[in-house]
């Protein structure tokens, strides 16, 4: 049986420091997607995730609700990313296809036997779809992109999203709604142009 986050945190704090690796394995991919959604290049996003886990490790006794470790470390990551973006002072548009790729694809956790049946045509179609999504996501504001990824890629509730972003539920709902509308229009235009 897989231990809950609170159990793992308690074990780490009790001296079983090797158990922290379970938390890293559990949330590394989701945190990477979160960092990418904030507009970071893949290598920078990976560095920010690593830094967030280091800070979480160092301050683990300050985690007030270990059952919500994911949200706590997500907030640490968000703050690290914002600090980085402020230092960089310019935001770049980055490819987002890898940040929103569906679980179960080859090379990702949860990959299944159907991944081996990809034909050149399906690989090509998936590439075109990824490019279309990437282009559409690039048109979103960083806040809307982050909210969309947290809601629709990570599957977080609005209450959990407020803990990560610091924004109100109503603000997040509006960001997600606007992102959906924008993406629907952008992808509809792309599909129409392809026909």
C-alpha atoms as a PDB file:
ATOM      1  CA  UNK A   1       0.000   0.000   0.000  1.00  0.00           C
ATOM      2  CA  UNK A   2       1.331   3.423  -0.958  1.00  0.00           C
ATOM      3  CA  UNK A   3       1.885   5.662   2.076  1.00  0.00           C
ATOM      4  CA  UNK A   4       0.136   9.019   2.176  1.00  0.00           C
ATOM      5  CA  UNK A   5       2.217  12.203   2.022  1.00  0.00           C
ATOM      6  CA  UNK A   6       1.707  12.925   5.715  1.00  0.00           C
ATOM      7  CA  UNK A   7       3.092   9.486   6.624  1.00  0.00           C
ATOM      8  CA  UNK A   8       6.155   9.981   4.432  1.00  0.00           C
ATOM      9  CA  UNK A   9       6.819  13.445   5.857  1.00  0.00           C
ATOM     10  CA  UNK A  10       6.528  12.047   9.404  1.00  0.00           C
ATOM     11  CA  UNK A  11       8.993   9.261   8.545  1.00  0.00           C
ATOM     12  CA  UNK A  12      11.488  11.746   7.098  1.00  0.00           C
ATOM     13  CA  UNK A  13      11.199  13.988  10.140  1.00  0.00           C
ATOM     14  CA  UNK A  14      11.698  10.908  12.355  1.00  0.00           C
ATOM     15  CA  UNK A  15      15.053  10.234  10.705  1.00  0.00           C
ATOM     16  CA  UNK A  16      14.241   8.033   7.698  1.00  0.00           C
ATOM     17  CA  UNK A  17      15.616  10.659   5.328  1.00  0.00           C
ATOM     18  CA  UNK A  18      15.765   8.233   2.410  1.00  0.00           C
ATOM     19  CA  UNK A  19      11.942   8.337   2.285  1.00  0.00           C
ATOM     20  CA  UNK A  20      12.059  11.898   0.902  1.00  0.00           C
ATOM     21  CA  UNK A  21      12.922  10.324  -2.454  1.00  0.00           C
ATOM     22  CA  UNK A  22       9.367   8.960  -2.573  1.00  0.00           C
ATOM     23  CA  UNK A  23       7.980  12.500  -2.478  1.00  0.00           C
ATOM     24  CA  UNK A  24      10.383  13.565  -5.211  1.00  0.00           C
ATOM     25  CA  UNK A  25       9.360  10.634  -7.415  1.00  0.00           C
ATOM     26  CA  UNK A  26       5.694  11.280  -6.716  1.00  0.00           C
ATOM     27  CA  UNK A  27       5.672  14.975  -7.672  1.00  0.00           C
ATOM     28  CA  UNK A  28       8.696  15.707  -9.867  1.00  0.00           C
ATOM     29  CA  UNK A  29       6.833  15.439 -13.199  1.00  0.00           C
ATOM     30  CA  UNK A  30       3.869  17.527 -12.022  1.00  0.00           C
ATOM     31  CA  UNK A  31       6.161  20.226 -10.661  1.00  0.00           C
ATOM     32  CA  UNK A  32       8.127  20.255 -13.905  1.00  0.00           C
ATOM     33  CA  UNK A  33       4.889  20.851 -15.834  1.00  0.00           C
ATOM     34  CA  UNK A  34       4.003  23.625 -13.392  1.00  0.00           C
ATOM     35  CA  UNK A  35       7.355  25.342 -13.943  1.00  0.00           C
ATOM     36  CA  UNK A  36       7.010  25.000 -17.714  1.00  0.00           C
ATOM     37  CA  UNK A  37       3.524  26.486 -17.507  1.00  0.00           C
ATOM     38  CA  UNK A  38       5.068  29.542 -15.906  1.00  0.00           C
ATOM     39  CA  UNK A  39       7.130  30.077 -19.054  1.00  0.00           C
ATOM     40  CA  UNK A  40      10.480  28.525 -18.181  1.00  0.00           C
ATOM     41  CA  UNK A  41      12.729  26.693 -20.609  1.00  0.00           C
ATOM     42  CA  UNK A  42      13.009  22.937 -19.859  1.00  0.00           C
ATOM     43  CA  UNK A  43      16.492  23.095 -18.337  1.00  0.00           C
ATOM     44  CA  UNK A  44      15.598  26.094 -16.162  1.00  0.00           C
ATOM     45  CA  UNK A  45      12.320  24.440 -15.131  1.00  0.00           C
ATOM     46  CA  UNK A  46      14.230  21.313 -14.076  1.00  0.00           C
ATOM     47  CA  UNK A  47      16.631  23.457 -12.028  1.00  0.00           C
ATOM     48  CA  UNK A  48      13.742  25.269 -10.341  1.00  0.00           C
ATOM     49  CA  UNK A  49      12.094  21.952  -9.443  1.00  0.00           C
ATOM     50  CA  UNK A  50      15.341  20.719  -7.947  1.00  0.00           C
ATOM     51  CA  UNK A  51      15.722  23.935  -5.954  1.00  0.00           C
ATOM     52  CA  UNK A  52      12.135  23.675  -4.719  1.00  0.00           C
ATOM     53  CA  UNK A  53      12.749  20.135  -3.459  1.00  0.00           C
ATOM     54  CA  UNK A  54      15.971  21.252  -1.754  1.00  0.00           C
ATOM     55  CA  UNK A  55      14.124  24.074   0.007  1.00  0.00           C
ATOM     56  CA  UNK A  56      11.321  21.684   0.939  1.00  0.00           C
ATOM     57  CA  UNK A  57      13.891  19.257   2.360  1.00  0.00           C
ATOM     58  CA  UNK A  58      15.582  21.990   4.367  1.00  0.00           C
ATOM     59  CA  UNK A  59      12.309  23.376   5.723  1.00  0.00           C
ATOM     60  CA  UNK A  60      10.243  20.201   5.983  1.00  0.00           C
ATOM     61  CA  UNK A  61       9.540  20.758   9.671  1.00  0.00           C
ATOM     62  CA  UNK A  62       7.796  23.999   8.631  1.00  0.00           C
ATOM     63  CA  UNK A  63       5.248  22.183   6.460  1.00  0.00           C
ATOM     64  CA  UNK A  64       2.088  22.912   8.449  1.00  0.00           C
ATOM     65  CA  UNK A  65      -0.111  20.394   6.622  1.00  0.00           C
ATOM     66  CA  UNK A  66       1.968  17.395   5.515  1.00  0.00           C
ATOM     67  CA  UNK A  67      -1.123  15.844   3.917  1.00  0.00           C
ATOM     68  CA  UNK A  68      -0.903  18.679   1.403  1.00  0.00           C
ATOM     69  CA  UNK A  69       2.813  18.380   0.731  1.00  0.00           C
ATOM     70  CA  UNK A  70       2.216  18.697  -3.035  1.00  0.00           C
ATOM     71  CA  UNK A  71       0.598  22.097  -2.615  1.00  0.00           C
ATOM     72  CA  UNK A  72       3.269  23.273  -0.193  1.00  0.00           C
ATOM     73  CA  UNK A  73       6.161  22.320  -2.472  1.00  0.00           C
ATOM     74  CA  UNK A  74       4.187  23.734  -5.436  1.00  0.00           C
ATOM     75  CA  UNK A  75       4.042  27.079  -3.678  1.00  0.00           C
ATOM     76  CA  UNK A  76       7.794  26.933  -3.023  1.00  0.00           C
ATOM     77  CA  UNK A  77       8.350  26.162  -6.709  1.00  0.00           C
ATOM     78  CA  UNK A  78       6.096  28.995  -7.836  1.00  0.00           C
ATOM     79  CA  UNK A  79       8.005  31.480  -5.680  1.00  0.00           C
ATOM     80  CA  UNK A  80      11.348  30.206  -7.028  1.00  0.00           C
ATOM     81  CA  UNK A  81      10.077  30.543 -10.603  1.00  0.00           C
ATOM     82  CA  UNK A  82       8.766  34.063  -9.998  1.00  0.00           C
ATOM     83  CA  UNK A  83      12.109  35.072  -8.477  1.00  0.00           C
ATOM     84  CA  UNK A  84      13.894  33.667 -11.514  1.00  0.00           C
ATOM     85  CA  UNK A  85      11.581  35.467 -13.925  1.00  0.00           C
ATOM     86  CA  UNK A  86      12.078  38.752 -12.085  1.00  0.00           C
ATOM     87  CA  UNK A  87      15.851  38.332 -12.280  1.00  0.00           C
ATOM     88  CA  UNK A  88      15.680  37.479 -15.963  1.00  0.00           C
ATOM     89  CA  UNK A  89      13.389  40.521 -16.437  1.00  0.00           C
ATOM     90  CA  UNK A  90      12.195  39.236 -19.787  1.00  0.00           C
ATOM     91  CA  UNK A  91       9.745  36.455 -20.360  1.00  0.00           C
ATOM     92  CA  UNK A  92      10.287  34.205 -23.304  1.00  0.00           C
ATOM     93  CA  UNK A  93       7.614  32.256 -25.076  1.00  0.00           C
ATOM     94  CA  UNK A  94       8.565  28.626 -24.694  1.00  0.00           C
ATOM     95  CA  UNK A  95       7.295  25.436 -26.265  1.00  0.00           C
ATOM     96  CA  UNK A  96       4.544  24.020 -24.108  1.00  0.00           C
ATOM     97  CA  UNK A  97       3.709  20.744 -25.876  1.00  0.00           C
ATOM     98  CA  UNK A  98       5.801  18.765 -23.397  1.00  0.00           C
ATOM     99  CA  UNK A  99       4.106  20.483 -20.477  1.00  0.00           C
ATOM    100  CA  UNK A 100       0.650  19.367 -21.534  1.00  0.00           C
ATOM    101  CA  UNK A 101       1.402  16.020 -23.122  1.00  0.00           C
ATOM    102  CA  UNK A 102      -1.090  13.440 -21.958  1.00  0.00           C
ATOM    103  CA  UNK A 103       0.021  10.857 -19.403  1.00  0.00           C
ATOM    104  CA  UNK A 104       0.562   7.440 -20.901  1.00  0.00           C
ATOM    105  CA  UNK A 105       2.655   8.555 -23.832  1.00  0.00           C
ATOM    106  CA  UNK A 106       5.888   6.735 -24.539  1.00  0.00           C
ATOM    107  CA  UNK A 107       8.641   7.658 -22.128  1.00  0.00           C
ATOM    108  CA  UNK A 108       6.261   9.073 -19.540  1.00  0.00           C
ATOM    109  CA  UNK A 109       4.980   7.522 -16.331  1.00  0.00           C
ATOM    110  CA  UNK A 110       1.874   5.478 -16.990  1.00  0.00           C
ATOM    111  CA  UNK A 111       2.851   4.498 -20.524  1.00  0.00           C
ATOM    112  CA  UNK A 112       0.951   1.474 -21.678  1.00  0.00           C
ATOM    113  CA  UNK A 113       1.107  -1.243 -24.296  1.00  0.00           C
ATOM    114  CA  UNK A 114      -0.733   0.892 -26.854  1.00  0.00           C
ATOM    115  CA  UNK A 115       2.270   3.217 -27.010  1.00  0.00           C
ATOM    116  CA  UNK A 116       4.127   0.486 -28.897  1.00  0.00           C
ATOM    117  CA  UNK A 117       1.439   0.484 -31.611  1.00  0.00           C
ATOM    118  CA  UNK A 118       2.074   4.042 -32.778  1.00  0.00           C
ATOM    119  CA  UNK A 119       2.141   4.227 -36.530  1.00  0.00           C
ATOM    120  CA  UNK A 120       4.004   6.916 -38.468  1.00  0.00           C
ATOM    121  CA  UNK A 121       0.635   8.530 -39.223  1.00  0.00           C
ATOM    122  CA  UNK A 122      -0.431   8.713 -35.559  1.00  0.00           C
ATOM    123  CA  UNK A 123       2.989   9.992 -34.533  1.00  0.00           C
ATOM    124  CA  UNK A 124       2.730  12.685 -37.230  1.00  0.00           C
ATOM    125  CA  UNK A 125      -0.823  13.622 -36.170  1.00  0.00           C
ATOM    126  CA  UNK A 126       0.222  13.819 -32.526  1.00  0.00           C
ATOM    127  CA  UNK A 127       3.134  16.049 -33.559  1.00  0.00           C
ATOM    128  CA  UNK A 128       0.793  18.368 -35.461  1.00  0.00           C
ATOM    129  CA  UNK A 129      -1.583  18.501 -32.512  1.00  0.00           C
ATOM    130  CA  UNK A 130       1.303  19.201 -30.127  1.00  0.00           C
ATOM    131  CA  UNK A 131       2.487  22.051 -32.352  1.00  0.00           C
ATOM    132  CA  UNK A 132      -1.029  23.491 -32.544  1.00  0.00           C
ATOM    133  CA  UNK A 133      -1.425  23.315 -28.762  1.00  0.00           C
ATOM    134  CA  UNK A 134       2.026  24.815 -28.288  1.00  0.00           C
ATOM    135  CA  UNK A 135       1.185  27.748 -30.544  1.00  0.00           C
ATOM    136  CA  UNK A 136      -2.161  28.304 -28.853  1.00  0.00           C
ATOM    137  CA  UNK A 137      -0.698  28.146 -25.330  1.00  0.00           C
ATOM    138  CA  UNK A 138       2.026  30.601 -26.307  1.00  0.00           C
ATOM    139  CA  UNK A 139      -0.682  33.193 -26.904  1.00  0.00           C
ATOM    140  CA  UNK A 140      -1.932  33.041 -23.311  1.00  0.00           C
ATOM    141  CA  UNK A 141      -0.743  35.326 -20.551  1.00  0.00           C
ATOM    142  CA  UNK A 142       1.580  33.579 -18.069  1.00  0.00           C
ATOM    143  CA  UNK A 143      -1.154  33.734 -15.398  1.00  0.00           C
ATOM    144  CA  UNK A 144      -3.794  32.191 -17.669  1.00  0.00           C
ATOM    145  CA  UNK A 145      -1.365  29.520 -18.888  1.00  0.00           C
ATOM    146  CA  UNK A 146      -0.424  28.619 -15.314  1.00  0.00           C
ATOM    147  CA  UNK A 147      -4.082  28.430 -14.226  1.00  0.00           C
ATOM    148  CA  UNK A 148      -5.021  26.316 -17.262  1.00  0.00           C
ATOM    149  CA  UNK A 149      -2.190  23.834 -16.675  1.00  0.00           C
ATOM    150  CA  UNK A 150      -2.870  23.559 -12.938  1.00  0.00           C
ATOM    151  CA  UNK A 151      -6.581  22.928 -13.578  1.00  0.00           C
ATOM    152  CA  UNK A 152      -6.634  20.840 -16.743  1.00  0.00           C
ATOM    153  CA  UNK A 153      -3.242  19.142 -16.798  1.00  0.00           C
ATOM    154  CA  UNK A 154      -2.608  18.684 -13.075  1.00  0.00           C
ATOM    155  CA  UNK A 155      -6.290  18.300 -12.192  1.00  0.00           C
ATOM    156  CA  UNK A 156      -6.082  20.543  -9.133  1.00  0.00           C
ATOM    157  CA  UNK A 157      -9.168  21.971  -7.454  1.00  0.00           C
ATOM    158  CA  UNK A 158      -9.586  25.734  -7.399  1.00  0.00           C
ATOM    159  CA  UNK A 159      -9.027  25.699  -3.641  1.00  0.00           C
ATOM    160  CA  UNK A 160      -5.705  23.927  -4.117  1.00  0.00           C
ATOM    161  CA  UNK A 161      -4.803  26.308  -6.930  1.00  0.00           C
ATOM    162  CA  UNK A 162      -5.279  29.266  -4.574  1.00  0.00           C
ATOM    163  CA  UNK A 163      -2.729  27.745  -2.205  1.00  0.00           C
ATOM    164  CA  UNK A 164      -0.213  27.468  -5.039  1.00  0.00           C
ATOM    165  CA  UNK A 165      -0.808  30.803  -6.777  1.00  0.00           C
ATOM    166  CA  UNK A 166      -2.128  33.055  -4.025  1.00  0.00           C
ATOM    167  CA  UNK A 167      -4.942  34.210  -6.348  1.00  0.00           C
ATOM    168  CA  UNK A 168      -8.611  34.070  -5.331  1.00  0.00           C
ATOM    169  CA  UNK A 169     -10.898  31.287  -6.531  1.00  0.00           C
ATOM    170  CA  UNK A 170     -12.928  33.752  -8.614  1.00  0.00           C
ATOM    171  CA  UNK A 171      -9.772  35.119 -10.260  1.00  0.00           C
ATOM    172  CA  UNK A 172      -8.582  31.606 -11.062  1.00  0.00           C
ATOM    173  CA  UNK A 173     -11.971  30.607 -12.483  1.00  0.00           C
ATOM    174  CA  UNK A 174     -11.868  33.664 -14.726  1.00  0.00           C
ATOM    175  CA  UNK A 175      -8.293  32.866 -15.871  1.00  0.00           C
ATOM    176  CA  UNK A 176      -9.221  29.269 -16.664  1.00  0.00           C
ATOM    177  CA  UNK A 177     -12.388  30.355 -18.467  1.00  0.00           C
ATOM    178  CA  UNK A 178     -10.520  32.928 -20.567  1.00  0.00           C
ATOM    179  CA  UNK A 179      -7.769  30.414 -21.324  1.00  0.00           C
ATOM    180  CA  UNK A 180     -10.335  27.834 -22.482  1.00  0.00           C
ATOM    181  CA  UNK A 181     -12.090  30.388 -24.698  1.00  0.00           C
ATOM    182  CA  UNK A 182      -8.803  31.578 -26.172  1.00  0.00           C
ATOM    183  CA  UNK A 183      -7.570  28.029 -26.796  1.00  0.00           C
ATOM    184  CA  UNK A 184     -10.893  26.961 -28.294  1.00  0.00           C
ATOM    185  CA  UNK A 185     -10.802  29.898 -30.717  1.00  0.00           C
ATOM    186  CA  UNK A 186      -7.102  29.465 -31.518  1.00  0.00           C
ATOM    187  CA  UNK A 187      -7.397  25.728 -32.142  1.00  0.00           C
ATOM    188  CA  UNK A 188     -10.594  26.199 -34.158  1.00  0.00           C
ATOM    189  CA  UNK A 189      -8.773  28.674 -36.418  1.00  0.00           C
ATOM    190  CA  UNK A 190      -5.873  26.239 -36.832  1.00  0.00           C
ATOM    191  CA  UNK A 191      -8.220  23.363 -37.701  1.00  0.00           C
ATOM    192  CA  UNK A 192     -10.112  25.561 -40.178  1.00  0.00           C
ATOM    193  CA  UNK A 193      -6.841  26.610 -41.827  1.00  0.00           C
ATOM    194  CA  UNK A 194      -5.795  22.953 -42.191  1.00  0.00           C
ATOM    195  CA  UNK A 195      -8.996  22.111 -44.107  1.00  0.00           C
END
